[in-house]
N, C-alpha and C. Protein backbone atom coordinates (compact mmCIF):
# COMPACT_ATOMS: atom_id res chain seq x y z
N MET A 1 12.12 -10.54 -14.61
CA MET A 1 12.33 -9.11 -14.44
C MET A 1 11.51 -8.63 -13.23
N PRO A 2 12.15 -7.94 -12.29
CA PRO A 2 11.43 -7.46 -11.09
C PRO A 2 10.36 -6.42 -11.43
N LEU A 3 9.35 -6.37 -10.60
CA LEU A 3 8.29 -5.38 -10.75
C LEU A 3 8.79 -4.00 -10.34
N GLU A 4 8.18 -2.98 -10.90
CA GLU A 4 8.46 -1.62 -10.44
C GLU A 4 7.98 -1.50 -9.00
N ILE A 5 8.66 -0.68 -8.23
CA ILE A 5 8.32 -0.51 -6.81
C ILE A 5 6.89 0.00 -6.66
N SER A 6 6.48 0.96 -7.48
CA SER A 6 5.13 1.51 -7.34
C SER A 6 4.06 0.46 -7.62
N VAL A 7 4.31 -0.43 -8.57
CA VAL A 7 3.37 -1.51 -8.88
C VAL A 7 3.33 -2.49 -7.71
N ALA A 8 4.49 -2.85 -7.20
CA ALA A 8 4.55 -3.77 -6.07
C ALA A 8 3.86 -3.18 -4.85
N PHE A 9 4.08 -1.89 -4.58
CA PHE A 9 3.44 -1.25 -3.44
C PHE A 9 1.92 -1.27 -3.60
N GLY A 10 1.44 -0.94 -4.78
CA GLY A 10 0.01 -0.93 -5.03
C GLY A 10 -0.63 -2.29 -4.84
N ARG A 11 0.05 -3.33 -5.30
CA ARG A 11 -0.48 -4.69 -5.14
C ARG A 11 -0.55 -5.09 -3.67
N VAL A 12 0.50 -4.76 -2.93
CA VAL A 12 0.53 -5.11 -1.51
C VAL A 12 -0.53 -4.32 -0.75
N LEU A 13 -0.64 -3.04 -1.04
CA LEU A 13 -1.65 -2.21 -0.38
C LEU A 13 -3.04 -2.77 -0.61
N ARG A 14 -3.35 -3.09 -1.84
CA ARG A 14 -4.67 -3.64 -2.17
C ARG A 14 -4.89 -4.98 -1.47
N ARG A 15 -3.89 -5.86 -1.53
CA ARG A 15 -4.02 -7.18 -0.92
C ARG A 15 -4.27 -7.08 0.59
N LEU A 16 -3.48 -6.26 1.27
CA LEU A 16 -3.67 -6.10 2.71
C LEU A 16 -5.02 -5.49 3.04
N ARG A 17 -5.42 -4.50 2.26
CA ARG A 17 -6.71 -3.85 2.49
C ARG A 17 -7.85 -4.85 2.35
N LEU A 18 -7.81 -5.65 1.30
CA LEU A 18 -8.87 -6.63 1.07
C LEU A 18 -8.84 -7.74 2.11
N GLU A 19 -7.64 -8.19 2.51
CA GLU A 19 -7.53 -9.23 3.55
C GLU A 19 -8.17 -8.77 4.85
N ARG A 20 -8.10 -7.47 5.11
CA ARG A 20 -8.66 -6.93 6.34
C ARG A 20 -10.11 -6.49 6.18
N GLY A 21 -10.64 -6.66 4.98
CA GLY A 21 -12.04 -6.32 4.74
C GLY A 21 -12.31 -4.83 4.79
N LEU A 22 -11.32 -4.03 4.40
CA LEU A 22 -11.46 -2.58 4.46
C LEU A 22 -11.69 -1.99 3.06
N SER A 23 -12.49 -0.96 3.01
CA SER A 23 -12.68 -0.22 1.75
C SER A 23 -11.55 0.80 1.61
N GLN A 24 -11.40 1.31 0.42
CA GLN A 24 -10.43 2.39 0.21
C GLN A 24 -10.78 3.59 1.08
N GLU A 25 -12.05 3.86 1.19
CA GLU A 25 -12.51 4.99 2.00
C GLU A 25 -12.12 4.81 3.47
N THR A 26 -12.32 3.60 3.99
CA THR A 26 -11.98 3.34 5.38
C THR A 26 -10.48 3.47 5.63
N VAL A 27 -9.68 2.92 4.73
CA VAL A 27 -8.22 3.05 4.87
C VAL A 27 -7.82 4.52 4.81
N GLY A 28 -8.44 5.24 3.91
CA GLY A 28 -8.17 6.67 3.81
C GLY A 28 -8.50 7.41 5.10
N GLU A 29 -9.63 7.10 5.67
CA GLU A 29 -10.03 7.75 6.93
C GLU A 29 -9.06 7.40 8.05
N LEU A 30 -8.70 6.13 8.16
CA LEU A 30 -7.80 5.69 9.21
C LEU A 30 -6.39 6.29 9.06
N ALA A 31 -5.98 6.51 7.82
CA ALA A 31 -4.65 7.05 7.55
C ALA A 31 -4.67 8.56 7.35
N ASN A 32 -5.85 9.16 7.47
CA ASN A 32 -6.01 10.60 7.23
C ASN A 32 -5.56 10.99 5.80
N LEU A 33 -6.02 10.17 4.85
CA LEU A 33 -5.73 10.39 3.43
C LEU A 33 -7.05 10.30 2.66
N GLN A 34 -7.08 10.87 1.48
CA GLN A 34 -8.30 10.81 0.67
C GLN A 34 -8.43 9.45 -0.01
N ARG A 35 -9.67 9.01 -0.17
CA ARG A 35 -9.93 7.72 -0.83
C ARG A 35 -9.32 7.69 -2.22
N LYS A 36 -9.43 8.78 -2.95
CA LYS A 36 -8.89 8.83 -4.31
C LYS A 36 -7.38 8.58 -4.30
N TYR A 37 -6.69 9.08 -3.29
CA TYR A 37 -5.24 8.88 -3.19
C TYR A 37 -4.93 7.40 -2.97
N ILE A 38 -5.74 6.72 -2.16
CA ILE A 38 -5.55 5.28 -1.94
C ILE A 38 -5.70 4.56 -3.28
N SER A 39 -6.70 4.93 -4.05
CA SER A 39 -6.91 4.34 -5.36
C SER A 39 -5.72 4.58 -6.28
N LEU A 40 -5.20 5.79 -6.27
CA LEU A 40 -4.05 6.12 -7.12
C LEU A 40 -2.81 5.33 -6.72
N LEU A 41 -2.63 5.11 -5.43
CA LEU A 41 -1.51 4.29 -4.96
C LEU A 41 -1.68 2.84 -5.40
N GLU A 42 -2.89 2.32 -5.27
CA GLU A 42 -3.14 0.93 -5.65
C GLU A 42 -2.94 0.71 -7.15
N ARG A 43 -3.22 1.72 -7.94
CA ARG A 43 -3.04 1.62 -9.40
C ARG A 43 -1.62 2.00 -9.84
N ALA A 44 -0.77 2.33 -8.89
CA ALA A 44 0.63 2.70 -9.16
C ALA A 44 0.75 3.99 -9.94
N ASP A 45 -0.26 4.85 -9.81
CA ASP A 45 -0.19 6.16 -10.46
C ASP A 45 0.66 7.13 -9.63
N TYR A 46 0.77 6.85 -8.34
CA TYR A 46 1.59 7.65 -7.43
C TYR A 46 2.43 6.73 -6.56
N GLN A 47 3.53 7.29 -6.05
CA GLN A 47 4.36 6.59 -5.07
C GLN A 47 4.23 7.33 -3.75
N PRO A 48 4.11 6.59 -2.65
CA PRO A 48 3.92 7.25 -1.36
C PRO A 48 5.21 7.83 -0.79
N LYS A 49 5.06 8.90 -0.03
CA LYS A 49 6.16 9.44 0.76
C LYS A 49 6.33 8.53 1.97
N LEU A 50 7.45 8.68 2.64
CA LEU A 50 7.71 7.86 3.82
C LEU A 50 6.64 8.05 4.89
N GLU A 51 6.22 9.29 5.12
CA GLU A 51 5.18 9.55 6.10
C GLU A 51 3.90 8.80 5.74
N THR A 52 3.58 8.74 4.46
CA THR A 52 2.38 8.03 4.00
C THR A 52 2.49 6.54 4.25
N VAL A 53 3.68 5.98 4.07
CA VAL A 53 3.90 4.56 4.36
C VAL A 53 3.58 4.28 5.83
N PHE A 54 4.05 5.15 6.71
CA PHE A 54 3.78 4.99 8.14
C PHE A 54 2.28 5.09 8.43
N ARG A 55 1.61 6.04 7.81
CA ARG A 55 0.16 6.20 8.02
C ARG A 55 -0.61 4.98 7.54
N LEU A 56 -0.25 4.50 6.35
CA LEU A 56 -0.94 3.34 5.78
C LEU A 56 -0.69 2.09 6.62
N ALA A 57 0.53 1.92 7.08
CA ALA A 57 0.83 0.76 7.93
C ALA A 57 -0.04 0.79 9.18
N GLY A 58 -0.16 1.95 9.80
CA GLY A 58 -1.01 2.07 10.98
C GLY A 58 -2.46 1.75 10.66
N ALA A 59 -2.94 2.23 9.53
CA ALA A 59 -4.33 1.98 9.13
C ALA A 59 -4.57 0.50 8.85
N LEU A 60 -3.53 -0.18 8.38
CA LEU A 60 -3.66 -1.60 8.03
C LEU A 60 -3.29 -2.52 9.19
N GLY A 61 -2.87 -1.93 10.31
CA GLY A 61 -2.55 -2.73 11.48
C GLY A 61 -1.25 -3.50 11.38
N CYS A 62 -0.28 -2.93 10.70
CA CYS A 62 1.03 -3.57 10.61
C CYS A 62 2.11 -2.52 10.81
N SER A 63 3.33 -2.97 10.93
CA SER A 63 4.43 -2.02 11.09
C SER A 63 4.89 -1.54 9.72
N PRO A 64 5.45 -0.35 9.66
CA PRO A 64 5.99 0.14 8.38
C PRO A 64 7.04 -0.81 7.81
N SER A 65 7.85 -1.38 8.69
CA SER A 65 8.90 -2.29 8.19
C SER A 65 8.31 -3.56 7.58
N SER A 66 7.24 -4.08 8.15
CA SER A 66 6.62 -5.27 7.56
C SER A 66 5.93 -4.94 6.24
N LEU A 67 5.36 -3.75 6.16
CA LEU A 67 4.76 -3.31 4.90
C LEU A 67 5.82 -3.22 3.80
N ILE A 68 6.94 -2.61 4.13
CA ILE A 68 8.03 -2.48 3.15
C ILE A 68 8.60 -3.86 2.79
N ALA A 69 8.70 -4.75 3.77
CA ALA A 69 9.20 -6.10 3.49
C ALA A 69 8.29 -6.83 2.50
N LEU A 70 6.98 -6.65 2.66
CA LEU A 70 6.04 -7.25 1.71
C LEU A 70 6.18 -6.65 0.32
N VAL A 71 6.42 -5.36 0.26
CA VAL A 71 6.62 -4.70 -1.04
C VAL A 71 7.91 -5.22 -1.68
N GLU A 72 8.95 -5.36 -0.88
CA GLU A 72 10.22 -5.89 -1.40
C GLU A 72 10.03 -7.30 -1.95
N GLU A 73 9.29 -8.12 -1.22
CA GLU A 73 9.00 -9.48 -1.67
C GLU A 73 8.21 -9.47 -2.98
N GLU A 74 7.20 -8.63 -3.03
CA GLU A 74 6.36 -8.52 -4.24
C GLU A 74 7.18 -8.03 -5.43
N ALA A 75 8.05 -7.06 -5.19
CA ALA A 75 8.85 -6.49 -6.27
C ALA A 75 9.84 -7.49 -6.84
N SER A 76 10.24 -8.46 -6.05
CA SER A 76 11.23 -9.42 -6.52
C SER A 76 10.61 -10.53 -7.36
N LYS A 77 9.28 -10.60 -7.39
CA LYS A 77 8.60 -11.62 -8.20
C LYS A 77 8.74 -11.29 -9.68
N ASP A 78 8.71 -12.32 -10.47
CA ASP A 78 8.73 -12.13 -11.93
C ASP A 78 7.38 -11.64 -12.41
N LEU A 79 7.38 -10.93 -13.51
CA LEU A 79 6.13 -10.45 -14.10
C LEU A 79 5.26 -11.58 -14.57
């Protein structure tokens, strides 16, 4: 059974953030978002708007399309 999109997005966001050695606060600052919002996204409590996806991709040093591709890949994994 595929993962929910919000869960997949949160996992990818956390993985990329940790791979880059960034704190939630730093990602928030780079994306002009609050640290608490980054936490809520990682926990799948919220789903990002398209503009937020672009901001987060920039903060993480990747393209929005590659970020979405990673989320799609994660979502297709079995639970």
